[in-house]
Amino acid sequence: MQMKEKGDDNVVFIGRKGIMSYVLAVVTQFNNGESNVIIKARGRAISRAVDVAEIVRQRFVQGISTTDIKIDTEEIEGEEGPIKVSAIEITLSKP
């Protein structure tokens, strides 16, 4: 079981579920009083993360904006040694 760090309450990790599952998670964070929500994804999930951010911003929560986008390359262990994988962090904020 992975332990959550103190600042992980407002982070949504994008994986293989449907887009609307992640949209609901982000909207729930904003409805629970968070002023910033960070969407994180790696590899093939990056396009899904962008879709989630845009759907939340345009359809579900009025007045939020994309305040920061960070891109990075992470190195993970694969079957044949280390593999480099692209990663993204999208920060959505209420004014």
PDB file of N, CA and C in Angstrom:
ATOM      1  N   MET A   1       0.840  -1.187   0.000  1.00  0.00           N
ATOM      2  CA  MET A   1       0.000   0.000   0.000  1.00  0.00           C
ATOM      3  C   MET A   1       0.880   1.244   0.000  1.00  0.00           C
ATOM      4  N   GLN A   2       0.586   2.168  -0.895  1.00  0.00           N
ATOM      5  CA  GLN A   2       1.383   3.379  -1.014  1.00  0.00           C
ATOM      6  C   GLN A   2       0.881   4.422  -0.027  1.00  0.00           C
ATOM      7  N   MET A   3       1.831   4.998   0.714  1.00  0.00           N
ATOM      8  CA  MET A   3       1.479   6.027   1.681  1.00  0.00           C
ATOM      9  C   MET A   3       1.341   7.359   0.952  1.00  0.00           C
ATOM     10  N   LYS A   4       0.311   8.124   1.311  1.00  0.00           N
ATOM     11  CA  LYS A   4       0.135   9.443   0.733  1.00  0.00           C
ATOM     12  C   LYS A   4       1.001  10.440   1.470  1.00  0.00           C
ATOM     13  N   GLU A   5       1.608  11.313   0.711  1.00  0.00           N
ATOM     14  CA  GLU A   5       2.352  12.395   1.326  1.00  0.00           C
ATOM     15  C   GLU A   5       1.371  13.486   1.720  1.00  0.00           C
ATOM     16  N   LYS A   6       1.834  14.415   2.535  1.00  0.00           N
ATOM     17  CA  LYS A   6       0.958  15.461   3.044  1.00  0.00           C
ATOM     18  C   LYS A   6       0.312  16.283   1.938  1.00  0.00           C
ATOM     19  N   GLY A   7       1.038  16.572   0.850  1.00  0.00           N
ATOM     20  CA  GLY A   7       0.515  17.409  -0.215  1.00  0.00           C
ATOM     21  C   GLY A   7      -0.204  16.661  -1.320  1.00  0.00           C
ATOM     22  N   ASP A   8      -0.465  15.362  -1.155  1.00  0.00           N
ATOM     23  CA  ASP A   8      -1.071  14.562  -2.218  1.00  0.00           C
ATOM     24  C   ASP A   8      -2.597  14.593  -2.241  1.00  0.00           C
ATOM     25  N   ASP A   9      -3.232  15.341  -1.362  1.00  0.00           N
ATOM     26  CA  ASP A   9      -4.687  15.335  -1.311  1.00  0.00           C
ATOM     27  C   ASP A   9      -5.321  15.929  -2.560  1.00  0.00           C
ATOM     28  N   ASN A  10      -4.638  16.846  -3.200  1.00  0.00           N
ATOM     29  CA  ASN A  10      -5.222  17.514  -4.359  1.00  0.00           C
ATOM     30  C   ASN A  10      -4.633  17.024  -5.681  1.00  0.00           C
ATOM     31  N   VAL A  11      -4.063  15.818  -5.697  1.00  0.00           N
ATOM     32  CA  VAL A  11      -3.444  15.260  -6.906  1.00  0.00           C
ATOM     33  C   VAL A  11      -4.320  14.133  -7.449  1.00  0.00           C
ATOM     34  N   VAL A  12      -4.566  14.172  -8.759  1.00  0.00           N
ATOM     35  CA  VAL A  12      -5.306  13.104  -9.434  1.00  0.00           C
ATOM     36  C   VAL A  12      -4.344  12.456 -10.426  1.00  0.00           C
ATOM     37  N   PHE A  13      -4.078  11.158 -10.239  1.00  0.00           N
ATOM     38  CA  PHE A  13      -3.192  10.411 -11.123  1.00  0.00           C
ATOM     39  C   PHE A  13      -4.018   9.761 -12.223  1.00  0.00           C
ATOM     40  N   ILE A  14      -3.657  10.016 -13.464  1.00  0.00           N
ATOM     41  CA  ILE A  14      -4.400   9.499 -14.609  1.00  0.00           C
ATOM     42  C   ILE A  14      -3.826   8.140 -15.005  1.00  0.00           C
ATOM     43  N   GLY A  15      -4.729   7.170 -15.204  1.00  0.00           N
ATOM     44  CA  GLY A  15      -4.320   5.829 -15.593  1.00  0.00           C
ATOM     45  C   GLY A  15      -5.148   5.328 -16.755  1.00  0.00           C
ATOM     46  N   ARG A  16      -5.711   4.136 -16.608  1.00  0.00           N
ATOM     47  CA  ARG A  16      -6.412   3.480 -17.718  1.00  0.00           C
ATOM     48  C   ARG A  16      -7.931   3.556 -17.649  1.00  0.00           C
ATOM     49  N   LYS A  17      -8.482   4.130 -16.598  1.00  0.00           N
ATOM     50  CA  LYS A  17      -9.941   4.232 -16.493  1.00  0.00           C
ATOM     51  C   LYS A  17     -10.476   5.191 -17.547  1.00  0.00           C
ATOM     52  N   GLY A  18     -11.789   5.267 -17.624  1.00  0.00           N
ATOM     53  CA  GLY A  18     -12.418   6.198 -18.556  1.00  0.00           C
ATOM     54  C   GLY A  18     -12.195   7.639 -18.128  1.00  0.00           C
ATOM     55  N   ILE A  19     -12.262   8.528 -19.088  1.00  0.00           N
ATOM     56  CA  ILE A  19     -12.000   9.945 -18.833  1.00  0.00           C
ATOM     57  C   ILE A  19     -12.947  10.512 -17.790  1.00  0.00           C
ATOM     58  N   MET A  20     -14.209  10.137 -17.844  1.00  0.00           N
ATOM     59  CA  MET A  20     -15.186  10.729 -16.926  1.00  0.00           C
ATOM     60  C   MET A  20     -14.916  10.353 -15.468  1.00  0.00           C
ATOM     61  N   SER A  21     -14.260   9.242 -15.210  1.00  0.00           N
ATOM     62  CA  SER A  21     -13.884   8.881 -13.840  1.00  0.00           C
ATOM     63  C   SER A  21     -12.929   9.920 -13.259  1.00  0.00           C
ATOM     64  N   TYR A  22     -11.986  10.347 -14.086  1.00  0.00           N
ATOM     65  CA  TYR A  22     -11.006  11.333 -13.642  1.00  0.00           C
ATOM     66  C   TYR A  22     -11.613  12.728 -13.577  1.00  0.00           C
ATOM     67  N   VAL A  23     -12.526  13.036 -14.500  1.00  0.00           N
ATOM     68  CA  VAL A  23     -13.232  14.316 -14.452  1.00  0.00           C
ATOM     69  C   VAL A  23     -13.990  14.413 -13.139  1.00  0.00           C
ATOM     70  N   LEU A  24     -14.682  13.354 -12.761  1.00  0.00           N
ATOM     71  CA  LEU A  24     -15.426  13.329 -11.503  1.00  0.00           C
ATOM     72  C   LEU A  24     -14.494  13.520 -10.307  1.00  0.00           C
ATOM     73  N   ALA A  25     -13.315  12.898 -10.340  1.00  0.00           N
ATOM     74  CA  ALA A  25     -12.356  13.035  -9.242  1.00  0.00           C
ATOM     75  C   ALA A  25     -11.882  14.485  -9.110  1.00  0.00           C
ATOM     76  N   VAL A  26     -11.608  15.142 -10.234  1.00  0.00           N
ATOM     77  CA  VAL A  26     -11.157  16.540 -10.196  1.00  0.00           C
ATOM     78  C   VAL A  26     -12.277  17.454  -9.703  1.00  0.00           C
ATOM     79  N   VAL A  27     -13.485  17.264 -10.224  1.00  0.00           N
ATOM     80  CA  VAL A  27     -14.626  18.087  -9.813  1.00  0.00           C
ATOM     81  C   VAL A  27     -14.902  17.899  -8.321  1.00  0.00           C
ATOM     82  N   THR A  28     -14.787  16.669  -7.840  1.00  0.00           N
ATOM     83  CA  THR A  28     -14.984  16.388  -6.414  1.00  0.00           C
ATOM     84  C   THR A  28     -13.962  17.133  -5.572  1.00  0.00           C
ATOM     85  N   GLN A  29     -12.711  17.179  -6.011  1.00  0.00           N
ATOM     86  CA  GLN A  29     -11.679  17.915  -5.275  1.00  0.00           C
ATOM     87  C   GLN A  29     -12.049  19.389  -5.162  1.00  0.00           C
ATOM     88  N   PHE A  30     -12.482  19.987  -6.262  1.00  0.00           N
ATOM     89  CA  PHE A  30     -12.876  21.400  -6.223  1.00  0.00           C
ATOM     90  C   PHE A  30     -14.094  21.602  -5.322  1.00  0.00           C
ATOM     91  N   ASN A  31     -15.062  20.689  -5.379  1.00  0.00           N
ATOM     92  CA  ASN A  31     -16.264  20.805  -4.542  1.00  0.00           C
ATOM     93  C   ASN A  31     -15.956  20.612  -3.058  1.00  0.00           C
ATOM     94  N   ASN A  32     -14.850  19.927  -2.748  1.00  0.00           N
ATOM     95  CA  ASN A  32     -14.439  19.736  -1.354  1.00  0.00           C
ATOM     96  C   ASN A  32     -13.608  20.900  -0.824  1.00  0.00           C
ATOM     97  N   GLY A  33     -13.495  21.955  -1.609  1.00  0.00           N
ATOM     98  CA  GLY A  33     -12.837  23.154  -1.123  1.00  0.00           C
ATOM     99  C   GLY A  33     -11.409  23.366  -1.577  1.00  0.00           C
ATOM    100  N   GLU A  34     -10.862  22.478  -2.404  1.00  0.00           N
ATOM    101  CA  GLU A  34      -9.500  22.670  -2.894  1.00  0.00           C
ATOM    102  C   GLU A  34      -9.478  23.860  -3.855  1.00  0.00           C
ATOM    103  N   SER A  35      -8.440  24.687  -3.774  1.00  0.00           N
ATOM    104  CA  SER A  35      -8.318  25.802  -4.710  1.00  0.00           C
ATOM    105  C   SER A  35      -7.419  25.433  -5.894  1.00  0.00           C
ATOM    106  N   ASN A  36      -6.571  24.416  -5.720  1.00  0.00           N
ATOM    107  CA  ASN A  36      -5.702  23.913  -6.787  1.00  0.00           C
ATOM    108  C   ASN A  36      -5.837  22.405  -6.861  1.00  0.00           C
ATOM    109  N   VAL A  37      -5.911  21.866  -8.081  1.00  0.00           N
ATOM    110  CA  VAL A  37      -5.899  20.421  -8.296  1.00  0.00           C
ATOM    111  C   VAL A  37      -4.837  20.131  -9.343  1.00  0.00           C
ATOM    112  N   ILE A  38      -3.981  19.154  -9.061  1.00  0.00           N
ATOM    113  CA  ILE A  38      -2.911  18.775  -9.969  1.00  0.00           C
ATOM    114  C   ILE A  38      -3.271  17.454 -10.640  1.00  0.00           C
ATOM    115  N   ILE A  39      -3.201  17.448 -11.957  1.00  0.00           N
ATOM    116  CA  ILE A  39      -3.460  16.239 -12.746  1.00  0.00           C
ATOM    117  C   ILE A  39      -2.106  15.729 -13.217  1.00  0.00           C
ATOM    118  N   LYS A  40      -1.772  14.462 -12.880  1.00  0.00           N
ATOM    119  CA  LYS A  40      -0.484  13.889 -13.261  1.00  0.00           C
ATOM    120  C   LYS A  40      -0.701  12.673 -14.156  1.00  0.00           C
ATOM    121  N   ALA A  41       0.171  12.536 -15.160  1.00  0.00           N
ATOM    122  CA  ALA A  41       0.096  11.376 -16.052  1.00  0.00           C
ATOM    123  C   ALA A  41       1.465  11.095 -16.641  1.00  0.00           C
ATOM    124  N   ARG A  42       1.636   9.837 -17.065  1.00  0.00           N
ATOM    125  CA  ARG A  42       2.873   9.421 -17.736  1.00  0.00           C
ATOM    126  C   ARG A  42       2.526   8.662 -19.003  1.00  0.00           C
ATOM    127  N   GLY A  43       3.445   8.743 -19.976  1.00  0.00           N
ATOM    128  CA  GLY A  43       3.331   7.941 -21.185  1.00  0.00           C
ATOM    129  C   GLY A  43       2.058   8.167 -21.970  1.00  0.00           C
ATOM    130  N   ARG A  44       1.394   7.081 -22.310  1.00  0.00           N
ATOM    131  CA  ARG A  44       0.192   7.143 -23.148  1.00  0.00           C
ATOM    132  C   ARG A  44      -0.980   7.833 -22.479  1.00  0.00           C
ATOM    133  N   ALA A  45      -0.932   7.984 -21.154  1.00  0.00           N
ATOM    134  CA  ALA A  45      -2.030   8.627 -20.424  1.00  0.00           C
ATOM    135  C   ALA A  45      -1.974  10.152 -20.506  1.00  0.00           C
ATOM    136  N   ILE A  46      -0.917  10.710 -21.103  1.00  0.00           N
ATOM    137  CA  ILE A  46      -0.780  12.167 -21.172  1.00  0.00           C
ATOM    138  C   ILE A  46      -1.942  12.790 -21.945  1.00  0.00           C
ATOM    139  N   SER A  47      -2.331  12.209 -23.063  1.00  0.00           N
ATOM    140  CA  SER A  47      -3.440  12.786 -23.836  1.00  0.00           C
ATOM    141  C   SER A  47      -4.743  12.715 -23.051  1.00  0.00           C
ATOM    142  N   ARG A  48      -4.921  11.669 -22.259  1.00  0.00           N
ATOM    143  CA  ARG A  48      -6.107  11.542 -21.410  1.00  0.00           C
ATOM    144  C   ARG A  48      -6.111  12.635 -20.341  1.00  0.00           C
ATOM    145  N   ALA A  49      -4.933  12.963 -19.800  1.00  0.00           N
ATOM    146  CA  ALA A  49      -4.827  14.018 -18.791  1.00  0.00           C
ATOM    147  C   ALA A  49      -5.217  15.373 -19.373  1.00  0.00           C
ATOM    148  N   VAL A  50      -4.775  15.643 -20.596  1.00  0.00           N
ATOM    149  CA  VAL A  50      -5.135  16.902 -21.256  1.00  0.00           C
ATOM    150  C   VAL A  50      -6.643  16.949 -21.487  1.00  0.00           C
ATOM    151  N   ASP A  51      -7.225  15.846 -21.924  1.00  0.00           N
ATOM    152  CA  ASP A  51      -8.673  15.785 -22.125  1.00  0.00           C
ATOM    153  C   ASP A  51      -9.424  16.048 -20.828  1.00  0.00           C
ATOM    154  N   VAL A  52      -8.977  15.445 -19.735  1.00  0.00           N
ATOM    155  CA  VAL A  52      -9.620  15.643 -18.426  1.00  0.00           C
ATOM    156  C   VAL A  52      -9.576  17.114 -18.040  1.00  0.00           C
ATOM    157  N   ALA A  53      -8.418  17.733 -18.164  1.00  0.00           N
ATOM    158  CA  ALA A  53      -8.275  19.140 -17.794  1.00  0.00           C
ATOM    159  C   ALA A  53      -9.208  20.026 -18.619  1.00  0.00           C
ATOM    160  N   GLU A  54      -9.272  19.772 -19.905  1.00  0.00           N
ATOM    161  CA  GLU A  54     -10.111  20.600 -20.773  1.00  0.00           C
ATOM    162  C   GLU A  54     -11.604  20.378 -20.515  1.00  0.00           C
ATOM    163  N   ILE A  55     -12.015  19.149 -20.281  1.00  0.00           N
ATOM    164  CA  ILE A  55     -13.427  18.875 -19.999  1.00  0.00           C
ATOM    165  C   ILE A  55     -13.840  19.541 -18.696  1.00  0.00           C
ATOM    166  N   VAL A  56     -13.020  19.428 -17.666  1.00  0.00           N
ATOM    167  CA  VAL A  56     -13.339  20.062 -16.380  1.00  0.00           C
ATOM    168  C   VAL A  56     -13.423  21.573 -16.565  1.00  0.00           C
ATOM    169  N   ARG A  57     -12.446  22.139 -17.238  1.00  0.00           N
ATOM    170  CA  ARG A  57     -12.359  23.592 -17.394  1.00  0.00           C
ATOM    171  C   ARG A  57     -13.508  24.163 -18.225  1.00  0.00           C
ATOM    172  N   GLN A  58     -13.892  23.463 -19.287  1.00  0.00           N
ATOM    173  CA  GLN A  58     -14.888  24.008 -20.201  1.00  0.00           C
ATOM    174  C   GLN A  58     -16.332  23.645 -19.856  1.00  0.00           C
ATOM    175  N   ARG A  59     -16.552  22.508 -19.201  1.00  0.00           N
ATOM    176  CA  ARG A  59     -17.927  22.043 -19.011  1.00  0.00           C
ATOM    177  C   ARG A  59     -18.404  21.989 -17.571  1.00  0.00           C
ATOM    178  N   PHE A  60     -17.522  21.712 -16.616  1.00  0.00           N
ATOM    179  CA  PHE A  60     -17.999  21.375 -15.284  1.00  0.00           C
ATOM    180  C   PHE A  60     -17.768  22.433 -14.218  1.00  0.00           C
ATOM    181  N   VAL A  61     -16.614  23.048 -14.172  1.00  0.00           N
ATOM    182  CA  VAL A  61     -16.315  24.017 -13.118  1.00  0.00           C
ATOM    183  C   VAL A  61     -16.036  25.363 -13.784  1.00  0.00           C
ATOM    184  N   GLN A  62     -16.917  26.320 -13.524  1.00  0.00           N
ATOM    185  CA  GLN A  62     -16.766  27.634 -14.140  1.00  0.00           C
ATOM    186  C   GLN A  62     -15.696  28.435 -13.411  1.00  0.00           C
ATOM    187  N   GLY A  63     -14.906  29.173 -14.164  1.00  0.00           N
ATOM    188  CA  GLY A  63     -13.953  30.097 -13.568  1.00  0.00           C
ATOM    189  C   GLY A  63     -12.601  29.521 -13.203  1.00  0.00           C
ATOM    190  N   ILE A  64     -12.341  28.265 -13.527  1.00  0.00           N
ATOM    191  CA  ILE A  64     -11.001  27.749 -13.226  1.00  0.00           C
ATOM    192  C   ILE A  64     -10.108  27.936 -14.444  1.00  0.00           C
ATOM    193  N   SER A  65      -8.814  27.948 -14.195  1.00  0.00           N
ATOM    194  CA  SER A  65      -7.875  28.117 -15.298  1.00  0.00           C
ATOM    195  C   SER A  65      -6.683  27.196 -15.107  1.00  0.00           C
ATOM    196  N   THR A  66      -5.971  26.984 -16.182  1.00  0.00           N
ATOM    197  CA  THR A  66      -4.736  26.213 -16.134  1.00  0.00           C
ATOM    198  C   THR A  66      -3.631  27.171 -15.721  1.00  0.00           C
ATOM    199  N   THR A  67      -3.081  26.979 -14.520  1.00  0.00           N
ATOM    200  CA  THR A  67      -2.082  27.921 -14.015  1.00  0.00           C
ATOM    201  C   THR A  67      -0.655  27.433 -14.216  1.00  0.00           C
ATOM    202  N   ASP A  68      -0.458  26.140 -14.429  1.00  0.00           N
ATOM    203  CA  ASP A  68       0.887  25.634 -14.608  1.00  0.00           C
ATOM    204  C   ASP A  68       0.846  24.305 -15.353  1.00  0.00           C
ATOM    205  N   ILE A  69       1.818  24.116 -16.231  1.00  0.00           N
ATOM    206  CA  ILE A  69       2.002  22.834 -16.918  1.00  0.00           C
ATOM    207  C   ILE A  69       3.485  22.508 -16.835  1.00  0.00           C
ATOM    208  N   LYS A  70       3.794  21.338 -16.284  1.00  0.00           N
ATOM    209  CA  LYS A  70       5.186  20.894 -16.188  1.00  0.00           C
ATOM    210  C   LYS A  70       5.335  19.608 -16.982  1.00  0.00           C
ATOM    211  N   ILE A  71       6.392  19.541 -17.787  1.00  0.00           N
ATOM    212  CA  ILE A  71       6.692  18.305 -18.501  1.00  0.00           C
ATOM    213  C   ILE A  71       8.052  17.808 -18.061  1.00  0.00           C
ATOM    214  N   ASP A  72       8.226  16.499 -18.103  1.00  0.00           N
ATOM    215  CA  ASP A  72       9.446  15.897 -17.596  1.00  0.00           C
ATOM    216  C   ASP A  72       9.636  14.538 -18.265  1.00  0.00           C
ATOM    217  N   THR A  73      10.806  13.978 -18.090  1.00  0.00           N
ATOM    218  CA  THR A  73      11.087  12.610 -18.502  1.00  0.00           C
ATOM    219  C   THR A  73      11.499  11.837 -17.260  1.00  0.00           C
ATOM    220  N   GLU A  74      10.777  10.777 -16.963  1.00  0.00           N
ATOM    221  CA  GLU A  74      11.079   9.946 -15.804  1.00  0.00           C
ATOM    222  C   GLU A  74      11.697   8.638 -16.270  1.00  0.00           C
ATOM    223  N   GLU A  75      12.580   8.113 -15.468  1.00  0.00           N
ATOM    224  CA  GLU A  75      13.225   6.849 -15.801  1.00  0.00           C
ATOM    225  C   GLU A  75      12.641   5.764 -14.898  1.00  0.00           C
ATOM    226  N   ILE A  76      12.063   4.732 -15.513  1.00  0.00           N
ATOM    227  CA  ILE A  76      11.496   3.623 -14.756  1.00  0.00           C
ATOM    228  C   ILE A  76      12.198   2.337 -15.174  1.00  0.00           C
ATOM    229  N   GLU A  77      12.115   1.336 -14.325  1.00  0.00           N
ATOM    230  CA  GLU A  77      12.739   0.048 -14.628  1.00  0.00           C
ATOM    231  C   GLU A  77      11.818  -0.777 -15.512  1.00  0.00           C
ATOM    232  N   GLY A  78      12.348  -1.216 -16.641  1.00  0.00           N
ATOM    233  CA  GLY A  78      11.617  -2.094 -17.534  1.00  0.00           C
ATOM    234  C   GLY A  78      12.225  -3.482 -17.486  1.00  0.00           C
ATOM    235  N   GLU A  79      11.726  -4.367 -18.322  1.00  0.00           N
ATOM    236  CA  GLU A  79      12.231  -5.736 -18.359  1.00  0.00           C
ATOM    237  C   GLU A  79      13.682  -5.792 -18.834  1.00  0.00           C
ATOM    238  N   GLU A  80      14.052  -4.869 -19.712  1.00  0.00           N
ATOM    239  CA  GLU A  80      15.397  -4.863 -20.267  1.00  0.00           C
ATOM    240  C   GLU A  80      16.236  -3.700 -19.746  1.00  0.00           C
ATOM    241  N   GLY A  81      15.937  -3.226 -18.561  1.00  0.00           N
ATOM    242  CA  GLY A  81      16.690  -2.118 -17.987  1.00  0.00           C
ATOM    243  C   GLY A  81      15.854  -0.855 -17.905  1.00  0.00           C
ATOM    244  N   PRO A  82      16.522   0.270 -17.654  1.00  0.00           N
ATOM    245  CA  PRO A  82      15.790   1.530 -17.495  1.00  0.00           C
ATOM    246  C   PRO A  82      15.151   2.005 -18.798  1.00  0.00           C
ATOM    247  N   ILE A  83      13.943   2.562 -18.658  1.00  0.00           N
ATOM    248  CA  ILE A  83      13.192   3.104 -19.795  1.00  0.00           C
ATOM    249  C   ILE A  83      12.823   4.543 -19.460  1.00  0.00           C
ATOM    250  N   LYS A  84      12.951   5.425 -20.427  1.00  0.00           N
ATOM    251  CA  LYS A  84      12.562   6.823 -20.230  1.00  0.00           C
ATOM    252  C   LYS A  84      11.117   7.002 -20.683  1.00  0.00           C
ATOM    253  N   VAL A  85      10.316   7.629 -19.807  1.00  0.00           N
ATOM    254  CA  VAL A  85       8.899   7.831 -20.071  1.00  0.00           C
ATOM    255  C   VAL A  85       8.570   9.310 -19.861  1.00  0.00           C
ATOM    256  N   SER A  86       7.822   9.886 -20.774  1.00  0.00           N
ATOM    257  CA  SER A  86       7.398  11.278 -20.640  1.00  0.00           C
ATOM    258  C   SER A  86       6.350  11.392 -19.540  1.00  0.00           C
ATOM    259  N   ALA A  87       6.335  12.547 -18.872  1.00  0.00           N
ATOM    260  CA  ALA A  87       5.367  12.787 -17.801  1.00  0.00           C
ATOM    261  C   ALA A  87       4.878  14.229 -17.890  1.00  0.00           C
ATOM    262  N   ILE A  88       3.668  14.470 -17.372  1.00  0.00           N
ATOM    263  CA  ILE A  88       3.095  15.812 -17.370  1.00  0.00           C
ATOM    264  C   ILE A  88       2.362  16.061 -16.060  1.00  0.00           C
ATOM    265  N   GLU A  89       2.389  17.308 -15.612  1.00  0.00           N
ATOM    266  CA  GLU A  89       1.615  17.772 -14.463  1.00  0.00           C
ATOM    267  C   GLU A  89       0.843  19.012 -14.911  1.00  0.00           C
ATOM    268  N   ILE A  90      -0.463  18.977 -14.790  1.00  0.00           N
ATOM    269  CA  ILE A  90      -1.310  20.116 -15.155  1.00  0.00           C
ATOM    270  C   ILE A  90      -1.965  20.624 -13.876  1.00  0.00           C
ATOM    271  N   THR A  91      -1.769  21.896 -13.555  1.00  0.00           N
ATOM    272  CA  THR A  91      -2.364  22.482 -12.355  1.00  0.00           C
ATOM    273  C   THR A  91      -3.554  23.331 -12.758  1.00  0.00           C
ATOM    274  N   LEU A  92      -4.722  22.988 -12.207  1.00  0.00           N
ATOM    275  CA  LEU A  92      -5.937  23.769 -12.398  1.00  0.00           C
ATOM    276  C   LEU A  92      -6.209  24.544 -11.116  1.00  0.00           C
ATOM    277  N   SER A  93      -6.582  25.821 -11.243  1.00  0.00           N
ATOM    278  CA  SER A  93      -6.778  26.657 -10.056  1.00  0.00           C
ATOM    279  C   SER A  93      -8.047  27.478 -10.158  1.00  0.00           C
ATOM    280  N   LYS A  94      -8.678  27.672  -8.989  1.00  0.00           N
ATOM    281  CA  LYS A  94      -9.779  28.620  -8.867  1.00  0.00           C
ATOM    282  C   LYS A  94      -9.182  29.981  -8.535  1.00  0.00           C
ATOM    283  N   PRO A  95      -9.801  31.053  -8.994  1.00  0.00           N
ATOM    284  CA  PRO A  95      -9.266  32.379  -8.654  1.00  0.00           C
ATOM    285  C   PRO A  95      -9.449  32.709  -7.182  1.00  0.00           C
TER     286      PRO A  95
END
